[in-house]
Amino acid sequence: MMRLLLLEDDQVLSETLQLFLTREEYHVDGALTIEEAEDLCYKNKYDVYLFDINLPDGSGLELLKNLRYAEDNTPTIFITALTDMHSMSQGFELDAIDYIKKPFNPEELLMRLKAKFKNNTFHLGGIVYDKDAQTLYKDGELMDIGNVQYKIFIKLLENTGAVVTVDELYECLEHPSNTALRVAITKIKQRLKIDIKNIRGKGYIIEKI
């Protein structure tokens, strides 16, 4: 389930979009102000930001600029009535991936999200795995975790919420053993800062966030 942060000061629109996207199996946190959004960004990891530009306490552009300075590279879509060239240029300079102009049908936003993040892309907090490109990112940083650890993590990631048996994970190892598997999983947990649970007598699982 992708986790989205929606920054929108129109409470009715915000609640409408949150309800719509939740029904489409997105996890959505809503913020009505820059201050609320900053607090949520600090506490949580998101797969996508949906930011309005004109807000009572500042600009969504300025918020994204500050996040980029803090090395937060979360993909961002601006939802705004402002579509002048200067605002659009500022957004794309900050690596925004799209704009959507108000008023709009929520279905349009859903289509854009699906187009940008297809089913072959797996998300886990700040981790993004592109199956087609065979790339693994953590908080916007391309990760190289070694071939064995990579195979184990991808098998667990693609089965998020389900237990992957020890025998299945042994297939990822050159010299299968319980010790080698435990060491590899420990390294994955430390490198990617994720929780992988050992289900005694069954295997390992990455639980849904």
C-alpha atoms as a PDB file:
ATOM      1  CA  MET A   1       0.000   0.000   0.000  1.00  0.00           C
ATOM      2  CA  MET A   2       1.484   3.329  -1.082  1.00  0.00           C
ATOM      3  CA  ARG A   3       1.586   6.018   1.583  1.00  0.00           C
ATOM      4  CA  LEU A   4       0.703   9.551   0.456  1.00  0.00           C
ATOM      5  CA  LEU A   5       0.880  12.918   2.173  1.00  0.00           C
ATOM      6  CA  LEU A   6      -1.800  15.334   0.962  1.00  0.00           C
ATOM      7  CA  LEU A   7      -1.209  19.015   1.723  1.00  0.00           C
ATOM      8  CA  GLU A   8      -4.420  20.876   0.871  1.00  0.00           C
ATOM      9  CA  ASP A   9      -5.981  23.742   2.829  1.00  0.00           C
ATOM     10  CA  ASP A  10      -9.482  23.246   1.398  1.00  0.00           C
ATOM     11  CA  GLN A  11     -10.857  20.873   4.027  1.00  0.00           C
ATOM     12  CA  VAL A  12     -13.735  19.624   1.878  1.00  0.00           C
ATOM     13  CA  LEU A  13     -11.434  18.847  -1.049  1.00  0.00           C
ATOM     14  CA  SER A  14      -8.872  17.273   1.280  1.00  0.00           C
ATOM     15  CA  GLU A  15     -11.424  14.977   2.908  1.00  0.00           C
ATOM     16  CA  THR A  16     -12.920  14.071  -0.481  1.00  0.00           C
ATOM     17  CA  LEU A  17      -9.528  13.104  -1.916  1.00  0.00           C
ATOM     18  CA  GLN A  18      -8.531  11.188   1.216  1.00  0.00           C
ATOM     19  CA  LEU A  19     -11.743   9.160   1.127  1.00  0.00           C
ATOM     20  CA  PHE A  20     -11.449   8.496  -2.607  1.00  0.00           C
ATOM     21  CA  LEU A  21      -7.784   7.435  -2.479  1.00  0.00           C
ATOM     22  CA  THR A  22      -8.332   5.307   0.632  1.00  0.00           C
ATOM     23  CA  ARG A  23     -11.036   3.402  -1.234  1.00  0.00           C
ATOM     24  CA  GLU A  24      -8.454   2.819  -3.973  1.00  0.00           C
ATOM     25  CA  GLU A  25      -6.185   1.230  -1.329  1.00  0.00           C
ATOM     26  CA  TYR A  26      -3.809   4.132  -0.767  1.00  0.00           C
ATOM     27  CA  HIS A  27      -2.826   5.171   2.754  1.00  0.00           C
ATOM     28  CA  VAL A  28      -3.346   8.948   2.914  1.00  0.00           C
ATOM     29  CA  ASP A  29      -2.366  11.412   5.631  1.00  0.00           C
ATOM     30  CA  GLY A  30      -3.868  14.879   5.313  1.00  0.00           C
ATOM     31  CA  ALA A  31      -2.374  18.251   6.281  1.00  0.00           C
ATOM     32  CA  LEU A  32      -4.167  21.604   6.058  1.00  0.00           C
ATOM     33  CA  THR A  33      -1.090  23.776   6.684  1.00  0.00           C
ATOM     34  CA  ILE A  34       2.631  23.851   5.954  1.00  0.00           C
ATOM     35  CA  GLU A  35       3.314  23.376   9.662  1.00  0.00           C
ATOM     36  CA  GLU A  36       1.198  20.217   9.816  1.00  0.00           C
ATOM     37  CA  ALA A  37       2.868  18.857   6.667  1.00  0.00           C
ATOM     38  CA  GLU A  38       6.358  19.523   8.029  1.00  0.00           C
ATOM     39  CA  ASP A  39       5.479  17.664  11.219  1.00  0.00           C
ATOM     40  CA  LEU A  40       4.159  14.656   9.287  1.00  0.00           C
ATOM     41  CA  CYS A  41       7.218  14.619   6.983  1.00  0.00           C
ATOM     42  CA  TYR A  42       9.423  14.525  10.061  1.00  0.00           C
ATOM     43  CA  LYS A  43       7.519  11.671  11.685  1.00  0.00           C
ATOM     44  CA  ASN A  44       6.774   9.467   8.668  1.00  0.00           C
ATOM     45  CA  LYS A  45       8.161   8.208   5.376  1.00  0.00           C
ATOM     46  CA  TYR A  46       5.986   8.707   2.301  1.00  0.00           C
ATOM     47  CA  ASP A  47       5.994   7.303  -1.210  1.00  0.00           C
ATOM     48  CA  VAL A  48       4.448  10.441  -2.762  1.00  0.00           C
ATOM     49  CA  TYR A  49       3.724  14.011  -1.720  1.00  0.00           C
ATOM     50  CA  LEU A  50       0.603  15.735  -3.091  1.00  0.00           C
ATOM     51  CA  PHE A  51       1.131  19.447  -2.407  1.00  0.00           C
ATOM     52  CA  ASP A  52      -1.005  22.509  -2.998  1.00  0.00           C
ATOM     53  CA  ILE A  53       1.042  25.658  -3.705  1.00  0.00           C
ATOM     54  CA  ASN A  54      -0.899  28.571  -2.159  1.00  0.00           C
ATOM     55  CA  LEU A  55      -1.527  27.905   1.531  1.00  0.00           C
ATOM     56  CA  PRO A  56      -2.481  30.156   4.460  1.00  0.00           C
ATOM     57  CA  ASP A  57       0.939  29.856   6.089  1.00  0.00           C
ATOM     58  CA  GLY A  58       3.202  29.671   3.061  1.00  0.00           C
ATOM     59  CA  SER A  59       3.957  27.988  -0.241  1.00  0.00           C
ATOM     60  CA  GLY A  60       4.066  24.312  -1.151  1.00  0.00           C
ATOM     61  CA  LEU A  61       6.969  25.182  -3.433  1.00  0.00           C
ATOM     62  CA  GLU A  62       8.949  26.567  -0.505  1.00  0.00           C
ATOM     63  CA  LEU A  63       8.118  23.495   1.578  1.00  0.00           C
ATOM     64  CA  LEU A  64       9.402  21.182  -1.151  1.00  0.00           C
ATOM     65  CA  LYS A  65      12.526  23.336  -1.514  1.00  0.00           C
ATOM     66  CA  ASN A  66      13.265  22.925   2.198  1.00  0.00           C
ATOM     67  CA  LEU A  67      12.629  19.177   2.006  1.00  0.00           C
ATOM     68  CA  ARG A  68      15.038  18.872  -0.910  1.00  0.00           C
ATOM     69  CA  TYR A  69      17.683  20.741   1.085  1.00  0.00           C
ATOM     70  CA  ALA A  70      17.153  18.148   3.811  1.00  0.00           C
ATOM     71  CA  GLU A  71      17.831  15.421   1.190  1.00  0.00           C
ATOM     72  CA  ASP A  72      14.203  14.322   1.055  1.00  0.00           C
ATOM     73  CA  ASN A  73      13.699  13.177  -2.539  1.00  0.00           C
ATOM     74  CA  THR A  74      10.136  11.902  -2.218  1.00  0.00           C
ATOM     75  CA  PRO A  75       8.294  12.104  -5.587  1.00  0.00           C
ATOM     76  CA  THR A  76       5.960  15.122  -5.566  1.00  0.00           C
ATOM     77  CA  ILE A  77       2.847  16.087  -7.514  1.00  0.00           C
ATOM     78  CA  PHE A  78       1.504  19.635  -7.214  1.00  0.00           C
ATOM     79  CA  ILE A  79      -2.260  20.105  -7.035  1.00  0.00           C
ATOM     80  CA  THR A  80      -2.927  23.768  -7.684  1.00  0.00           C
ATOM     81  CA  ALA A  81      -4.930  26.446  -9.418  1.00  0.00           C
ATOM     82  CA  LEU A  82      -1.594  28.085 -10.300  1.00  0.00           C
ATOM     83  CA  THR A  83      -0.305  26.871 -13.635  1.00  0.00           C
ATOM     84  CA  ASP A  84       1.708  29.891 -14.723  1.00  0.00           C
ATOM     85  CA  MET A  85       5.057  29.102 -16.305  1.00  0.00           C
ATOM     86  CA  HIS A  86       7.063  30.531 -13.401  1.00  0.00           C
ATOM     87  CA  SER A  87       5.369  28.307 -10.789  1.00  0.00           C
ATOM     88  CA  MET A  88       5.645  25.256 -13.033  1.00  0.00           C
ATOM     89  CA  SER A  89       9.306  25.979 -13.702  1.00  0.00           C
ATOM     90  CA  GLN A  90      10.006  26.268  -9.969  1.00  0.00           C
ATOM     91  CA  GLY A  91       8.288  22.975  -9.302  1.00  0.00           C
ATOM     92  CA  PHE A  92      10.146  21.060 -11.978  1.00  0.00           C
ATOM     93  CA  GLU A  93      13.454  22.563 -10.842  1.00  0.00           C
ATOM     94  CA  LEU A  94      12.686  20.913  -7.492  1.00  0.00           C
ATOM     95  CA  ASP A  95      12.094  17.602  -9.313  1.00  0.00           C
ATOM     96  CA  ALA A  96       8.312  17.611  -9.054  1.00  0.00           C
ATOM     97  CA  ILE A  97       7.069  14.779 -11.253  1.00  0.00           C
ATOM     98  CA  ASP A  98       3.708  16.279 -12.289  1.00  0.00           C
ATOM     99  CA  TYR A  99       1.111  19.039 -11.958  1.00  0.00           C
ATOM    100  CA  ILE A 100      -2.644  18.694 -11.811  1.00  0.00           C
ATOM    101  CA  LYS A 101      -4.814  21.774 -12.229  1.00  0.00           C
ATOM    102  CA  LYS A 102      -7.845  22.587 -10.080  1.00  0.00           C
ATOM    103  CA  PRO A 103     -10.679  21.889 -10.477  1.00  0.00           C
ATOM    104  CA  PHE A 104     -10.174  18.249 -11.412  1.00  0.00           C
ATOM    105  CA  ASN A 105     -11.880  14.884 -11.160  1.00  0.00           C
ATOM    106  CA  PRO A 106     -10.295  12.611  -8.526  1.00  0.00           C
ATOM    107  CA  GLU A 107     -10.162   9.940 -11.220  1.00  0.00           C
ATOM    108  CA  GLU A 108      -7.626  12.088 -13.066  1.00  0.00           C
ATOM    109  CA  LEU A 109      -5.351  12.131 -10.038  1.00  0.00           C
ATOM    110  CA  LEU A 110      -5.730   8.363  -9.682  1.00  0.00           C
ATOM    111  CA  MET A 111      -4.798   7.830 -13.336  1.00  0.00           C
ATOM    112  CA  ARG A 112      -1.688   9.973 -12.936  1.00  0.00           C
ATOM    113  CA  LEU A 113      -0.617   8.086  -9.826  1.00  0.00           C
ATOM    114  CA  LYS A 114      -1.084   4.736 -11.553  1.00  0.00           C
ATOM    115  CA  ALA A 115       0.797   5.945 -14.631  1.00  0.00           C
ATOM    116  CA  LYS A 116       3.727   7.214 -12.564  1.00  0.00           C
ATOM    117  CA  PHE A 117       3.839   4.231 -10.210  1.00  0.00           C
ATOM    118  CA  LYS A 118       2.908   1.082 -12.087  1.00  0.00           C
ATOM    119  CA  ASN A 119       2.311  -2.322 -10.559  1.00  0.00           C
ATOM    120  CA  ASN A 120       5.898  -3.319 -11.249  1.00  0.00           C
ATOM    121  CA  THR A 121       7.005  -0.748  -8.696  1.00  0.00           C
ATOM    122  CA  PHE A 122       7.015  -1.871  -5.058  1.00  0.00           C
ATOM    123  CA  HIS A 123       6.944   0.604  -2.180  1.00  0.00           C
ATOM    124  CA  LEU A 124       7.792   0.097   1.472  1.00  0.00           C
ATOM    125  CA  GLY A 125       7.992   3.344   3.403  1.00  0.00           C
ATOM    126  CA  GLY A 126      10.907   5.218   1.825  1.00  0.00           C
ATOM    127  CA  ILE A 127      11.996   2.161  -0.199  1.00  0.00           C
ATOM    128  CA  VAL A 128      11.110   1.946  -3.892  1.00  0.00           C
ATOM    129  CA  TYR A 129      11.888  -1.126  -5.994  1.00  0.00           C
ATOM    130  CA  ASP A 130      11.393  -0.914  -9.767  1.00  0.00           C
ATOM    131  CA  LYS A 131      11.085  -4.481 -11.018  1.00  0.00           C
ATOM    132  CA  ASP A 132      11.461  -3.510 -14.676  1.00  0.00           C
ATOM    133  CA  ALA A 133      14.581  -1.406 -14.158  1.00  0.00           C
ATOM    134  CA  GLN A 134      15.885  -3.693 -11.385  1.00  0.00           C
ATOM    135  CA  THR A 135      16.668  -0.674  -9.200  1.00  0.00           C
ATOM    136  CA  LEU A 136      16.315  -0.269  -5.447  1.00  0.00           C
ATOM    137  CA  TYR A 137      16.069   3.166  -3.821  1.00  0.00           C
ATOM    138  CA  LYS A 138      15.987   4.143  -0.167  1.00  0.00           C
ATOM    139  CA  ASP A 139      14.815   7.725   0.512  1.00  0.00           C
ATOM    140  CA  GLY A 140      15.788   8.667  -3.037  1.00  0.00           C
ATOM    141  CA  GLU A 141      19.262   7.073  -2.821  1.00  0.00           C
ATOM    142  CA  LEU A 142      20.160   4.220  -5.175  1.00  0.00           C
ATOM    143  CA  MET A 143      21.103   1.240  -2.994  1.00  0.00           C
ATOM    144  CA  ASP A 144      23.672  -1.479  -3.655  1.00  0.00           C
ATOM    145  CA  ILE A 145      23.287  -4.133  -0.958  1.00  0.00           C
ATOM    146  CA  GLY A 146      25.056  -7.050  -2.584  1.00  0.00           C
ATOM    147  CA  ASN A 147      23.624  -9.780  -4.792  1.00  0.00           C
ATOM    148  CA  VAL A 148      22.616 -12.279  -2.089  1.00  0.00           C
ATOM    149  CA  GLN A 149      21.027  -9.688   0.203  1.00  0.00           C
ATOM    150  CA  TYR A 150      19.299  -8.132  -2.806  1.00  0.00           C
ATOM    151  CA  LYS A 151      17.713 -11.452  -3.846  1.00  0.00           C
ATOM    152  CA  ILE A 152      16.523 -12.171  -0.305  1.00  0.00           C
ATOM    153  CA  PHE A 153      15.075  -8.698   0.187  1.00  0.00           C
ATOM    154  CA  ILE A 154      13.251  -8.670  -3.162  1.00  0.00           C
ATOM    155  CA  LYS A 155      11.704 -12.072  -2.447  1.00  0.00           C
ATOM    156  CA  LEU A 156      10.464 -10.773   0.909  1.00  0.00           C
ATOM    157  CA  LEU A 157       9.335  -7.439  -0.567  1.00  0.00           C
ATOM    158  CA  GLU A 158       7.348  -9.031  -3.391  1.00  0.00           C
ATOM    159  CA  ASN A 159       5.578 -11.154  -0.769  1.00  0.00           C
ATOM    160  CA  THR A 160       4.955  -8.354   1.746  1.00  0.00           C
ATOM    161  CA  GLY A 161       2.427  -9.467   4.325  1.00  0.00           C
ATOM    162  CA  ALA A 162       3.079 -13.172   3.721  1.00  0.00           C
ATOM    163  CA  VAL A 163       5.604 -15.531   5.285  1.00  0.00           C
ATOM    164  CA  VAL A 164       8.428 -16.605   2.974  1.00  0.00           C
ATOM    165  CA  THR A 165       9.708 -20.013   4.003  1.00  0.00           C
ATOM    166  CA  VAL A 166      13.310 -20.701   4.918  1.00  0.00           C
ATOM    167  CA  ASP A 167      13.585 -23.145   2.003  1.00  0.00           C
ATOM    168  CA  GLU A 168      12.475 -20.434  -0.424  1.00  0.00           C
ATOM    169  CA  LEU A 169      15.067 -18.020   0.967  1.00  0.00           C
ATOM    170  CA  TYR A 170      17.769 -20.700   0.819  1.00  0.00           C
ATOM    171  CA  GLU A 171      17.397 -20.533  -2.968  1.00  0.00           C
ATOM    172  CA  CYS A 172      18.942 -17.042  -2.787  1.00  0.00           C
ATOM    173  CA  LEU A 173      22.090 -18.299  -1.052  1.00  0.00           C
ATOM    174  CA  GLU A 174      25.195 -19.730  -2.694  1.00  0.00           C
ATOM    175  CA  HIS A 175      25.894 -21.941   0.338  1.00  0.00           C
ATOM    176  CA  PRO A 176      22.545 -22.355   2.145  1.00  0.00           C
ATOM    177  CA  SER A 177      22.569 -22.567   5.919  1.00  0.00           C
ATOM    178  CA  ASN A 178      20.513 -21.140   8.749  1.00  0.00           C
ATOM    179  CA  THR A 179      23.491 -19.095   9.950  1.00  0.00           C
ATOM    180  CA  ALA A 180      24.158 -17.609   6.502  1.00  0.00           C
ATOM    181  CA  LEU A 181      20.487 -16.676   6.145  1.00  0.00           C
ATOM    182  CA  ARG A 182      20.353 -15.018   9.576  1.00  0.00           C
ATOM    183  CA  VAL A 183      23.512 -13.015   8.846  1.00  0.00           C
ATOM    184  CA  ALA A 184      22.187 -11.858   5.459  1.00  0.00           C
ATOM    185  CA  ILE A 185      18.840 -10.782   6.928  1.00  0.00           C
ATOM    186  CA  THR A 186      20.553  -8.924   9.769  1.00  0.00           C
ATOM    187  CA  LYS A 187      22.634  -6.994   7.221  1.00  0.00           C
ATOM    188  CA  ILE A 188      19.513  -6.139   5.201  1.00  0.00           C
ATOM    189  CA  LYS A 189      17.743  -4.849   8.312  1.00  0.00           C
ATOM    190  CA  GLN A 190      20.724  -2.694   9.262  1.00  0.00           C
ATOM    191  CA  ARG A 191      21.334  -1.319   5.766  1.00  0.00           C
ATOM    192  CA  LEU A 192      17.727  -0.562   4.829  1.00  0.00           C
ATOM    193  CA  LYS A 193      16.499   0.124   8.385  1.00  0.00           C
ATOM    194  CA  ILE A 194      13.462  -2.117   8.056  1.00  0.00           C
ATOM    195  CA  ASP A 195      11.818  -4.734  10.261  1.00  0.00           C
ATOM    196  CA  ILE A 196      11.959  -8.338   9.045  1.00  0.00           C
ATOM    197  CA  LYS A 197      10.276 -10.719  11.473  1.00  0.00           C
ATOM    198  CA  ASN A 198      11.296 -14.316  12.085  1.00  0.00           C
ATOM    199  CA  ILE A 199       8.235 -16.542  12.347  1.00  0.00           C
ATOM    200  CA  ARG A 200       9.640 -19.485  14.299  1.00  0.00           C
ATOM    201  CA  GLY A 201       9.403 -22.759  12.428  1.00  0.00           C
ATOM    202  CA  LYS A 202       8.001 -21.095   9.293  1.00  0.00           C
ATOM    203  CA  GLY A 203      10.200 -18.385   7.807  1.00  0.00           C
ATOM    204  CA  TYR A 204      10.447 -14.610   7.577  1.00  0.00           C
ATOM    205  CA  ILE A 205       8.016 -11.806   6.814  1.00  0.00           C
ATOM    206  CA  ILE A 206       7.959  -8.106   6.008  1.00  0.00           C
ATOM    207  CA  GLU A 207       4.657  -6.874   7.376  1.00  0.00           C
ATOM    208  CA  LYS A 208       2.548  -4.333   5.533  1.00  0.00           C
ATOM    209  CA  ILE A 209       3.007  -0.751   6.701  1.00  0.00           C
END
